[in-house]
Amino acid sequence: LSDVDAIAAGVFTTSQVRAACVEYCR
């Protein structure tokens, strides 16, 4: 948890079968 809004970056699996959380974050 950040006390303030934080800049967010992400790198995720390239699998064609992706978890719900991965799709959500993307």
mmCIF file of all heavy atoms, coordinates in Angstrom:
data_MODEL
# 
_entry.id   MODEL 
# 
loop_
_atom_site.group_PDB 
_atom_site.id 
_atom_site.type_symbol 
_atom_site.label_atom_id 
_atom_site.label_alt_id 
_atom_site.label_comp_id 
_atom_site.label_asym_id 
_atom_site.label_entity_id 
_atom_site.label_seq_id 
_atom_site.pdbx_PDB_ins_code 
_atom_site.Cartn_x 
_atom_site.Cartn_y 
_atom_site.Cartn_z 
_atom_site.occupancy 
_atom_site.B_iso_or_equiv 
_atom_site.pdbx_formal_charge 
_atom_site.auth_seq_id 
_atom_site.auth_comp_id 
_atom_site.auth_asym_id 
_atom_site.auth_atom_id 
_atom_site.pdbx_PDB_model_num 
ATOM 1   N N   . LEU A 1 1  ? 0.834  -1.197  0.000   1.00 0.00 ? 1  LEU A N   1 
ATOM 2   C CA  . LEU A 1 1  ? 0.000  0.000   0.000   1.00 0.00 ? 1  LEU A CA  1 
ATOM 3   C C   . LEU A 1 1  ? 0.869  1.248   0.000   1.00 0.00 ? 1  LEU A C   1 
ATOM 4   O O   . LEU A 1 1  ? 1.752  1.396   0.846   1.00 0.00 ? 1  LEU A O   1 
ATOM 5   C CB  . LEU A 1 1  ? -0.900 -0.017  1.234   1.00 0.00 ? 1  LEU A CB  1 
ATOM 6   C CG  . LEU A 1 1  ? -1.888 1.124   1.443   1.00 0.00 ? 1  LEU A CG  1 
ATOM 7   C CD1 . LEU A 1 1  ? -2.901 1.176   0.306   1.00 0.00 ? 1  LEU A CD1 1 
ATOM 8   C CD2 . LEU A 1 1  ? -2.603 0.950   2.790   1.00 0.00 ? 1  LEU A CD2 1 
ATOM 9   N N   . SER A 1 2  ? 0.628  2.130   -0.964  1.00 0.00 ? 2  SER A N   1 
ATOM 10  C CA  . SER A 1 2  ? 1.315  3.423   -0.990  1.00 0.00 ? 2  SER A CA  1 
ATOM 11  C C   . SER A 1 2  ? 0.433  4.470   -0.316  1.00 0.00 ? 2  SER A C   1 
ATOM 12  O O   . SER A 1 2  ? -0.789 4.490   -0.511  1.00 0.00 ? 2  SER A O   1 
ATOM 13  C CB  . SER A 1 2  ? 1.610  3.851   -2.430  1.00 0.00 ? 2  SER A CB  1 
ATOM 14  O OG  . SER A 1 2  ? 2.172  5.154   -2.457  1.00 0.00 ? 2  SER A OG  1 
ATOM 15  N N   . ASP A 1 3  ? 1.057  5.341   0.467   1.00 0.00 ? 3  ASP A N   1 
ATOM 16  C CA  . ASP A 1 3  ? 0.305  6.389   1.159   1.00 0.00 ? 3  ASP A CA  1 
ATOM 17  C C   . ASP A 1 3  ? -0.310 7.392   0.180   1.00 0.00 ? 3  ASP A C   1 
ATOM 18  O O   . ASP A 1 3  ? -1.289 8.065   0.515   1.00 0.00 ? 3  ASP A O   1 
ATOM 19  C CB  . ASP A 1 3  ? 1.215  7.136   2.147   1.00 0.00 ? 3  ASP A CB  1 
ATOM 20  C CG  . ASP A 1 3  ? 1.674  6.240   3.295   1.00 0.00 ? 3  ASP A CG  1 
ATOM 21  O OD1 . ASP A 1 3  ? 1.039  5.200   3.528   1.00 0.00 ? 3  ASP A OD1 1 
ATOM 22  O OD2 . ASP A 1 3  ? 2.681  6.593   3.949   1.00 0.00 ? 3  ASP A OD2 1 
ATOM 23  N N   . VAL A 1 4  ? 0.282  7.487   -0.993  1.00 0.00 ? 4  VAL A N   1 
ATOM 24  C CA  . VAL A 1 4  ? -0.211 8.414   -2.025  1.00 0.00 ? 4  VAL A CA  1 
ATOM 25  C C   . VAL A 1 4  ? -0.281 7.681   -3.355  1.00 0.00 ? 4  VAL A C   1 
ATOM 26  O O   . VAL A 1 4  ? 0.252  6.576   -3.496  1.00 0.00 ? 4  VAL A O   1 
ATOM 27  C CB  . VAL A 1 4  ? 0.724  9.649   -2.163  1.00 0.00 ? 4  VAL A CB  1 
ATOM 28  C CG1 . VAL A 1 4  ? 0.764  10.444  -0.868  1.00 0.00 ? 4  VAL A CG1 1 
ATOM 29  C CG2 . VAL A 1 4  ? 2.137  9.214   -2.567  1.00 0.00 ? 4  VAL A CG2 1 
ATOM 30  N N   . ASP A 1 5  ? -0.943 8.281   -4.346  1.00 0.00 ? 5  ASP A N   1 
ATOM 31  C CA  . ASP A 1 5  ? -0.968 7.679   -5.681  1.00 0.00 ? 5  ASP A CA  1 
ATOM 32  C C   . ASP A 1 5  ? 0.461  7.484   -6.194  1.00 0.00 ? 5  ASP A C   1 
ATOM 33  O O   . ASP A 1 5  ? 1.300  8.383   -6.065  1.00 0.00 ? 5  ASP A O   1 
ATOM 34  C CB  . ASP A 1 5  ? -1.726 8.583   -6.665  1.00 0.00 ? 5  ASP A CB  1 
ATOM 35  C CG  . ASP A 1 5  ? -3.230 8.413   -6.542  1.00 0.00 ? 5  ASP A CG  1 
ATOM 36  O OD1 . ASP A 1 5  ? -3.667 7.420   -5.947  1.00 0.00 ? 5  ASP A OD1 1 
ATOM 37  O OD2 . ASP A 1 5  ? -3.963 9.298   -7.037  1.00 0.00 ? 5  ASP A OD2 1 
ATOM 38  N N   . ALA A 1 6  ? 0.723  6.317   -6.762  1.00 0.00 ? 6  ALA A N   1 
ATOM 39  C CA  . ALA A 1 6  ? 2.049  6.005   -7.289  1.00 0.00 ? 6  ALA A CA  1 
ATOM 40  C C   . ALA A 1 6  ? 1.962  5.725   -8.784  1.00 0.00 ? 6  ALA A C   1 
ATOM 41  O O   . ALA A 1 6  ? 0.981  5.137   -9.258  1.00 0.00 ? 6  ALA A O   1 
ATOM 42  C CB  . ALA A 1 6  ? 2.630  4.790   -6.566  1.00 0.00 ? 6  ALA A CB  1 
ATOM 43  N N   . ILE A 1 7  ? 2.996  6.142   -9.509  1.00 0.00 ? 7  ILE A N   1 
ATOM 44  C CA  . ILE A 1 7  ? 3.115  5.748   -10.912 1.00 0.00 ? 7  ILE A CA  1 
ATOM 45  C C   . ILE A 1 7  ? 3.295  4.233   -10.946 1.00 0.00 ? 7  ILE A C   1 
ATOM 46  O O   . ILE A 1 7  ? 4.079  3.677   -10.175 1.00 0.00 ? 7  ILE A O   1 
ATOM 47  C CB  . ILE A 1 7  ? 4.325  6.447   -11.572 1.00 0.00 ? 7  ILE A CB  1 
ATOM 48  C CG1 . ILE A 1 7  ? 4.123  7.966   -11.584 1.00 0.00 ? 7  ILE A CG1 1 
ATOM 49  C CG2 . ILE A 1 7  ? 4.561  5.917   -12.984 1.00 0.00 ? 7  ILE A CG2 1 
ATOM 50  C CD1 . ILE A 1 7  ? 2.920  8.417   -12.380 1.00 0.00 ? 7  ILE A CD1 1 
ATOM 51  N N   . ALA A 1 8  ? 2.560  3.565   -11.827 1.00 0.00 ? 8  ALA A N   1 
ATOM 52  C CA  . ALA A 1 8  ? 2.606  2.103   -11.886 1.00 0.00 ? 8  ALA A CA  1 
ATOM 53  C C   . ALA A 1 8  ? 3.038  1.630   -13.261 1.00 0.00 ? 8  ALA A C   1 
ATOM 54  O O   . ALA A 1 8  ? 2.582  2.152   -14.283 1.00 0.00 ? 8  ALA A O   1 
ATOM 55  C CB  . ALA A 1 8  ? 1.236  1.518   -11.535 1.00 0.00 ? 8  ALA A CB  1 
ATOM 56  N N   . ALA A 1 9  ? 3.927  0.648   -13.278 1.00 0.00 ? 9  ALA A N   1 
ATOM 57  C CA  . ALA A 1 9  ? 4.356  0.002   -14.518 1.00 0.00 ? 9  ALA A CA  1 
ATOM 58  C C   . ALA A 1 9  ? 4.230  -1.499  -14.321 1.00 0.00 ? 9  ALA A C   1 
ATOM 59  O O   . ALA A 1 9  ? 4.326  -2.006  -13.194 1.00 0.00 ? 9  ALA A O   1 
ATOM 60  C CB  . ALA A 1 9  ? 5.793  0.381   -14.859 1.00 0.00 ? 9  ALA A CB  1 
ATOM 61  N N   . GLY A 1 10 ? 4.012  -2.223  -15.405 1.00 0.00 ? 10 GLY A N   1 
ATOM 62  C CA  . GLY A 1 10 ? 3.850  -3.665  -15.294 1.00 0.00 ? 10 GLY A CA  1 
ATOM 63  C C   . GLY A 1 10 ? 4.403  -4.412  -16.484 1.00 0.00 ? 10 GLY A C   1 
ATOM 64  O O   . GLY A 1 10 ? 4.432  -3.889  -17.610 1.00 0.00 ? 10 GLY A O   1 
ATOM 65  N N   . VAL A 1 11 ? 4.874  -5.625  -16.231 1.00 0.00 ? 11 VAL A N   1 
ATOM 66  C CA  . VAL A 1 11 ? 5.286  -6.559  -17.277 1.00 0.00 ? 11 VAL A CA  1 
ATOM 67  C C   . VAL A 1 11 ? 4.625  -7.889  -16.932 1.00 0.00 ? 11 VAL A C   1 
ATOM 68  O O   . VAL A 1 11 ? 4.703  -8.345  -15.789 1.00 0.00 ? 11 VAL A O   1 
ATOM 69  C CB  . VAL A 1 11 ? 6.818  -6.715  -17.328 1.00 0.00 ? 11 VAL A CB  1 
ATOM 70  C CG1 . VAL A 1 11 ? 7.208  -7.693  -18.430 1.00 0.00 ? 11 VAL A CG1 1 
ATOM 71  C CG2 . VAL A 1 11 ? 7.502  -5.364  -17.566 1.00 0.00 ? 11 VAL A CG2 1 
ATOM 72  N N   . PHE A 1 12 ? 3.976  -8.514  -17.916 1.00 0.00 ? 12 PHE A N   1 
ATOM 73  C CA  . PHE A 1 12 ? 3.143  -9.678  -17.629 1.00 0.00 ? 12 PHE A CA  1 
ATOM 74  C C   . PHE A 1 12 ? 3.469  -10.846 -18.554 1.00 0.00 ? 12 PHE A C   1 
ATOM 75  O O   . PHE A 1 12 ? 4.148  -10.686 -19.563 1.00 0.00 ? 12 PHE A O   1 
ATOM 76  C CB  . PHE A 1 12 ? 1.660  -9.312  -17.771 1.00 0.00 ? 12 PHE A CB  1 
ATOM 77  C CG  . PHE A 1 12 ? 1.249  -8.168  -16.880 1.00 0.00 ? 12 PHE A CG  1 
ATOM 78  C CD1 . PHE A 1 12 ? 1.192  -6.875  -17.383 1.00 0.00 ? 12 PHE A CD1 1 
ATOM 79  C CD2 . PHE A 1 12 ? 0.959  -8.385  -15.547 1.00 0.00 ? 12 PHE A CD2 1 
ATOM 80  C CE1 . PHE A 1 12 ? 0.834  -5.807  -16.565 1.00 0.00 ? 12 PHE A CE1 1 
ATOM 81  C CE2 . PHE A 1 12 ? 0.600  -7.323  -14.723 1.00 0.00 ? 12 PHE A CE2 1 
ATOM 82  C CZ  . PHE A 1 12 ? 0.536  -6.042  -15.228 1.00 0.00 ? 12 PHE A CZ  1 
ATOM 83  N N   . THR A 1 13 ? 2.948  -12.027 -18.198 1.00 0.00 ? 13 THR A N   1 
ATOM 84  C CA  . THR A 1 13 ? 3.166  -13.228 -18.992 1.00 0.00 ? 13 THR A CA  1 
ATOM 85  C C   . THR A 1 13 ? 2.738  -13.008 -20.447 1.00 0.00 ? 13 THR A C   1 
ATOM 86  O O   . THR A 1 13 ? 1.779  -12.279 -20.724 1.00 0.00 ? 13 THR A O   1 
ATOM 87  C CB  . THR A 1 13 ? 2.398  -14.426 -18.403 1.00 0.00 ? 13 THR A CB  1 
ATOM 88  O OG1 . THR A 1 13 ? 2.714  -15.601 -19.163 1.00 0.00 ? 13 THR A OG1 1 
ATOM 89  C CG2 . THR A 1 13 ? 0.889  -14.219 -18.425 1.00 0.00 ? 13 THR A CG2 1 
ATOM 90  N N   . THR A 1 14 ? 3.445  -13.663 -21.362 1.00 0.00 ? 14 THR A N   1 
ATOM 91  C CA  . THR A 1 14 ? 3.049  -13.632 -22.773 1.00 0.00 ? 14 THR A CA  1 
ATOM 92  C C   . THR A 1 14 ? 2.272  -14.889 -23.152 1.00 0.00 ? 14 THR A C   1 
ATOM 93  O O   . THR A 1 14 ? 1.945  -15.092 -24.321 1.00 0.00 ? 14 THR A O   1 
ATOM 94  C CB  . THR A 1 14 ? 4.283  -13.505 -23.689 1.00 0.00 ? 14 THR A CB  1 
ATOM 95  O OG1 . THR A 1 14 ? 5.183  -14.577 -23.393 1.00 0.00 ? 14 THR A OG1 1 
ATOM 96  C CG2 . THR A 1 14 ? 4.993  -12.181 -23.480 1.00 0.00 ? 14 THR A CG2 1 
ATOM 97  N N   . SER A 1 15 ? 1.993  -15.723 -22.170 1.00 0.00 ? 15 SER A N   1 
ATOM 98  C CA  . SER A 1 15 ? 1.196  -16.928 -22.432 1.00 0.00 ? 15 SER A CA  1 
ATOM 99  C C   . SER A 1 15 ? -0.183 -16.540 -22.973 1.00 0.00 ? 15 SER A C   1 
ATOM 100 O O   . SER A 1 15 ? -0.754 -15.522 -22.588 1.00 0.00 ? 15 SER A O   1 
ATOM 101 C CB  . SER A 1 15 ? 1.029  -17.730 -21.136 1.00 0.00 ? 15 SER A CB  1 
ATOM 102 O OG  . SER A 1 15 ? 0.094  -18.783 -21.321 1.00 0.00 ? 15 SER A OG  1 
ATOM 103 N N   . GLN A 1 16 ? -0.721 -17.374 -23.853 1.00 0.00 ? 16 GLN A N   1 
ATOM 104 C CA  . GLN A 1 16 ? -2.073 -17.153 -24.367 1.00 0.00 ? 16 GLN A CA  1 
ATOM 105 C C   . GLN A 1 16 ? -3.134 -17.527 -23.336 1.00 0.00 ? 16 GLN A C   1 
ATOM 106 O O   . GLN A 1 16 ? -4.294 -17.150 -23.466 1.00 0.00 ? 16 GLN A O   1 
ATOM 107 C CB  . GLN A 1 16 ? -2.292 -17.949 -25.661 1.00 0.00 ? 16 GLN A CB  1 
ATOM 108 C CG  . GLN A 1 16 ? -1.413 -17.489 -26.814 1.00 0.00 ? 16 GLN A CG  1 
ATOM 109 C CD  . GLN A 1 16 ? -1.629 -16.021 -27.141 1.00 0.00 ? 16 GLN A CD  1 
ATOM 110 O OE1 . GLN A 1 16 ? -2.746 -15.590 -27.430 1.00 0.00 ? 16 GLN A OE1 1 
ATOM 111 N NE2 . GLN A 1 16 ? -0.553 -15.238 -27.086 1.00 0.00 ? 16 GLN A NE2 1 
ATOM 112 N N   . VAL A 1 17 ? -2.735 -18.308 -22.338 1.00 0.00 ? 17 VAL A N   1 
ATOM 113 C CA  . VAL A 1 17 ? -3.636 -18.642 -21.232 1.00 0.00 ? 17 VAL A CA  1 
ATOM 114 C C   . VAL A 1 17 ? -3.208 -17.775 -20.047 1.00 0.00 ? 17 VAL A C   1 
ATOM 115 O O   . VAL A 1 17 ? -2.200 -18.040 -19.408 1.00 0.00 ? 17 VAL A O   1 
ATOM 116 C CB  . VAL A 1 17 ? -3.558 -20.137 -20.867 1.00 0.00 ? 17 VAL A CB  1 
ATOM 117 C CG1 . VAL A 1 17 ? -4.516 -20.461 -19.716 1.00 0.00 ? 17 VAL A CG1 1 
ATOM 118 C CG2 . VAL A 1 17 ? -3.883 -20.997 -22.077 1.00 0.00 ? 17 VAL A CG2 1 
ATOM 119 N N   . ARG A 1 18 ? -3.968 -16.716 -19.800 1.00 0.00 ? 18 ARG A N   1 
ATOM 120 C CA  . ARG A 1 18 ? -3.581 -15.737 -18.787 1.00 0.00 ? 18 ARG A CA  1 
ATOM 121 C C   . ARG A 1 18 ? -4.595 -15.702 -17.656 1.00 0.00 ? 18 ARG A C   1 
ATOM 122 O O   . ARG A 1 18 ? -5.809 -15.774 -17.888 1.00 0.00 ? 18 ARG A O   1 
ATOM 123 C CB  . ARG A 1 18 ? -3.463 -14.338 -19.411 1.00 0.00 ? 18 ARG A CB  1 
ATOM 124 C CG  . ARG A 1 18 ? -2.312 -14.213 -20.401 1.00 0.00 ? 18 ARG A CG  1 
ATOM 125 C CD  . ARG A 1 18 ? -2.180 -12.797 -20.902 1.00 0.00 ? 18 ARG A CD  1 
ATOM 126 N NE  . ARG A 1 18 ? -3.262 -12.428 -21.815 1.00 0.00 ? 18 ARG A NE  1 
ATOM 127 C CZ  . ARG A 1 18 ? -3.225 -12.593 -23.134 1.00 0.00 ? 18 ARG A CZ  1 
ATOM 128 N NH1 . ARG A 1 18 ? -2.162 -13.127 -23.702 1.00 0.00 ? 18 ARG A NH1 1 
ATOM 129 N NH2 . ARG A 1 18 ? -4.248 -12.218 -23.878 1.00 0.00 ? 18 ARG A NH2 1 
ATOM 130 N N   . ALA A 1 19 ? -4.085 -15.554 -16.447 1.00 0.00 ? 19 ALA A N   1 
ATOM 131 C CA  . ALA A 1 19 ? -4.952 -15.497 -15.271 1.00 0.00 ? 19 ALA A CA  1 
ATOM 132 C C   . ALA A 1 19 ? -5.809 -14.241 -15.299 1.00 0.00 ? 19 ALA A C   1 
ATOM 133 O O   . ALA A 1 19 ? -5.456 -13.234 -15.915 1.00 0.00 ? 19 ALA A O   1 
ATOM 134 C CB  . ALA A 1 19 ? -4.115 -15.526 -14.001 1.00 0.00 ? 19 ALA A CB  1 
ATOM 135 N N   . ALA A 1 20 ? -6.930 -14.297 -14.572 1.00 0.00 ? 20 ALA A N   1 
ATOM 136 C CA  . ALA A 1 20 ? -7.847 -13.155 -14.520 1.00 0.00 ? 20 ALA A CA  1 
ATOM 137 C C   . ALA A 1 20 ? -7.162 -11.909 -13.984 1.00 0.00 ? 20 ALA A C   1 
ATOM 138 O O   . ALA A 1 20 ? -7.400 -10.794 -14.472 1.00 0.00 ? 20 ALA A O   1 
ATOM 139 C CB  . ALA A 1 20 ? -9.050 -13.508 -13.646 1.00 0.00 ? 20 ALA A CB  1 
ATOM 140 N N   . CYS A 1 21 ? -6.275 -12.077 -12.990 1.00 0.00 ? 21 CYS A N   1 
ATOM 141 C CA  . CYS A 1 21 ? -5.595 -10.913 -12.419 1.00 0.00 ? 21 CYS A CA  1 
ATOM 142 C C   . CYS A 1 21 ? -4.660 -10.253 -13.430 1.00 0.00 ? 21 CYS A C   1 
ATOM 143 O O   . CYS A 1 21 ? -4.498 -9.023  -13.424 1.00 0.00 ? 21 CYS A O   1 
ATOM 144 C CB  . CYS A 1 21 ? -4.821 -11.313 -11.164 1.00 0.00 ? 21 CYS A CB  1 
ATOM 145 S SG  . CYS A 1 21 ? -3.628 -12.633 -11.437 1.00 0.00 ? 21 CYS A SG  1 
ATOM 146 N N   . VAL A 1 22 ? -4.053 -11.060 -14.308 1.00 0.00 ? 22 VAL A N   1 
ATOM 147 C CA  . VAL A 1 22 ? -3.172 -10.506 -15.335 1.00 0.00 ? 22 VAL A CA  1 
ATOM 148 C C   . VAL A 1 22 ? -3.974 -9.644  -16.311 1.00 0.00 ? 22 VAL A C   1 
ATOM 149 O O   . VAL A 1 22 ? -3.592 -8.509  -16.631 1.00 0.00 ? 22 VAL A O   1 
ATOM 150 C CB  . VAL A 1 22 ? -2.426 -11.634 -16.084 1.00 0.00 ? 22 VAL A CB  1 
ATOM 151 C CG1 . VAL A 1 22 ? -1.712 -11.094 -17.323 1.00 0.00 ? 22 VAL A CG1 1 
ATOM 152 C CG2 . VAL A 1 22 ? -1.430 -12.314 -15.150 1.00 0.00 ? 22 VAL A CG2 1 
ATOM 153 N N   . GLU A 1 23 ? -5.094 -10.165 -16.780 1.00 0.00 ? 23 GLU A N   1 
ATOM 154 C CA  . GLU A 1 23 ? -5.941 -9.393  -17.692 1.00 0.00 ? 23 GLU A CA  1 
ATOM 155 C C   . GLU A 1 23 ? -6.453 -8.123  -17.009 1.00 0.00 ? 23 GLU A C   1 
ATOM 156 O O   . GLU A 1 23 ? -6.493 -7.041  -17.612 1.00 0.00 ? 23 GLU A O   1 
ATOM 157 C CB  . GLU A 1 23 ? -7.121 -10.251 -18.165 1.00 0.00 ? 23 GLU A CB  1 
ATOM 158 C CG  . GLU A 1 23 ? -6.710 -11.433 -19.026 1.00 0.00 ? 23 GLU A CG  1 
ATOM 159 C CD  . GLU A 1 23 ? -6.150 -11.018 -20.385 1.00 0.00 ? 23 GLU A CD  1 
ATOM 160 O OE1 . GLU A 1 23 ? -6.095 -9.818  -20.682 1.00 0.00 ? 23 GLU A OE1 1 
ATOM 161 O OE2 . GLU A 1 23 ? -5.752 -11.902 -21.146 1.00 0.00 ? 23 GLU A OE2 1 
ATOM 162 N N   . TYR A 1 24 ? -6.823 -8.258  -15.741 1.00 0.00 ? 24 TYR A N   1 
ATOM 163 C CA  . TYR A 1 24 ? -7.322 -7.108  -14.988 1.00 0.00 ? 24 TYR A CA  1 
ATOM 164 C C   . TYR A 1 24 ? -6.247 -6.014  -14.911 1.00 0.00 ? 24 TYR A C   1 
ATOM 165 O O   . TYR A 1 24 ? -6.524 -4.837  -15.189 1.00 0.00 ? 24 TYR A O   1 
ATOM 166 C CB  . TYR A 1 24 ? -7.731 -7.557  -13.583 1.00 0.00 ? 24 TYR A CB  1 
ATOM 167 C CG  . TYR A 1 24 ? -8.114 -6.425  -12.662 1.00 0.00 ? 24 TYR A CG  1 
ATOM 168 C CD1 . TYR A 1 24 ? -9.412 -5.935  -12.618 1.00 0.00 ? 24 TYR A CD1 1 
ATOM 169 C CD2 . TYR A 1 24 ? -7.152 -5.834  -11.836 1.00 0.00 ? 24 TYR A CD2 1 
ATOM 170 C CE1 . TYR A 1 24 ? -9.757 -4.886  -11.772 1.00 0.00 ? 24 TYR A CE1 1 
ATOM 171 C CE2 . TYR A 1 24 ? -7.489 -4.778  -10.993 1.00 0.00 ? 24 TYR A CE2 1 
ATOM 172 C CZ  . TYR A 1 24 ? -8.779 -4.313  -10.972 1.00 0.00 ? 24 TYR A CZ  1 
ATOM 173 O OH  . TYR A 1 24 ? -9.103 -3.274  -10.145 1.00 0.00 ? 24 TYR A OH  1 
ATOM 174 N N   . CYS A 1 25 ? -5.026 -6.376  -14.546 1.00 0.00 ? 25 CYS A N   1 
ATOM 175 C CA  . CYS A 1 25 ? -3.954 -5.383  -14.408 1.00 0.00 ? 25 CYS A CA  1 
ATOM 176 C C   . CYS A 1 25 ? -3.583 -4.755  -15.745 1.00 0.00 ? 25 CYS A C   1 
ATOM 177 O O   . CYS A 1 25 ? -3.350 -3.541  -15.830 1.00 0.00 ? 25 CYS A O   1 
ATOM 178 C CB  . CYS A 1 25 ? -2.717 -6.023  -13.777 1.00 0.00 ? 25 CYS A CB  1 
ATOM 179 S SG  . CYS A 1 25 ? -2.883 -6.372  -12.024 1.00 0.00 ? 25 CYS A SG  1 
ATOM 180 N N   . ARG A 1 26 ? -3.531 -5.573  -16.777 1.00 0.00 ? 26 ARG A N   1 
ATOM 181 C CA  . ARG A 1 26 ? -3.211 -5.020  -18.106 1.00 0.00 ? 26 ARG A CA  1 
ATOM 182 C C   . ARG A 1 26 ? -4.237 -3.976  -18.515 1.00 0.00 ? 26 ARG A C   1 
ATOM 183 O O   . ARG A 1 26 ? -3.877 -2.907  -19.042 1.00 0.00 ? 26 ARG A O   1 
ATOM 184 C CB  . ARG A 1 26 ? -3.157 -6.156  -19.140 1.00 0.00 ? 26 ARG A CB  1 
ATOM 185 C CG  . ARG A 1 26 ? -1.871 -6.968  -19.063 1.00 0.00 ? 26 ARG A CG  1 
ATOM 186 C CD  . ARG A 1 26 ? -1.957 -8.290  -19.790 1.00 0.00 ? 26 ARG A CD  1 
ATOM 187 N NE  . ARG A 1 26 ? -2.449 -8.174  -21.158 1.00 0.00 ? 26 ARG A NE  1 
ATOM 188 C CZ  . ARG A 1 26 ? -1.916 -8.809  -22.199 1.00 0.00 ? 26 ARG A CZ  1 
ATOM 189 N NH1 . ARG A 1 26 ? -0.868 -9.584  -22.011 1.00 0.00 ? 26 ARG A NH1 1 
ATOM 190 N NH2 . ARG A 1 26 ? -2.425 -8.705  -23.383 1.00 0.00 ? 26 ARG A NH2 1 
# 
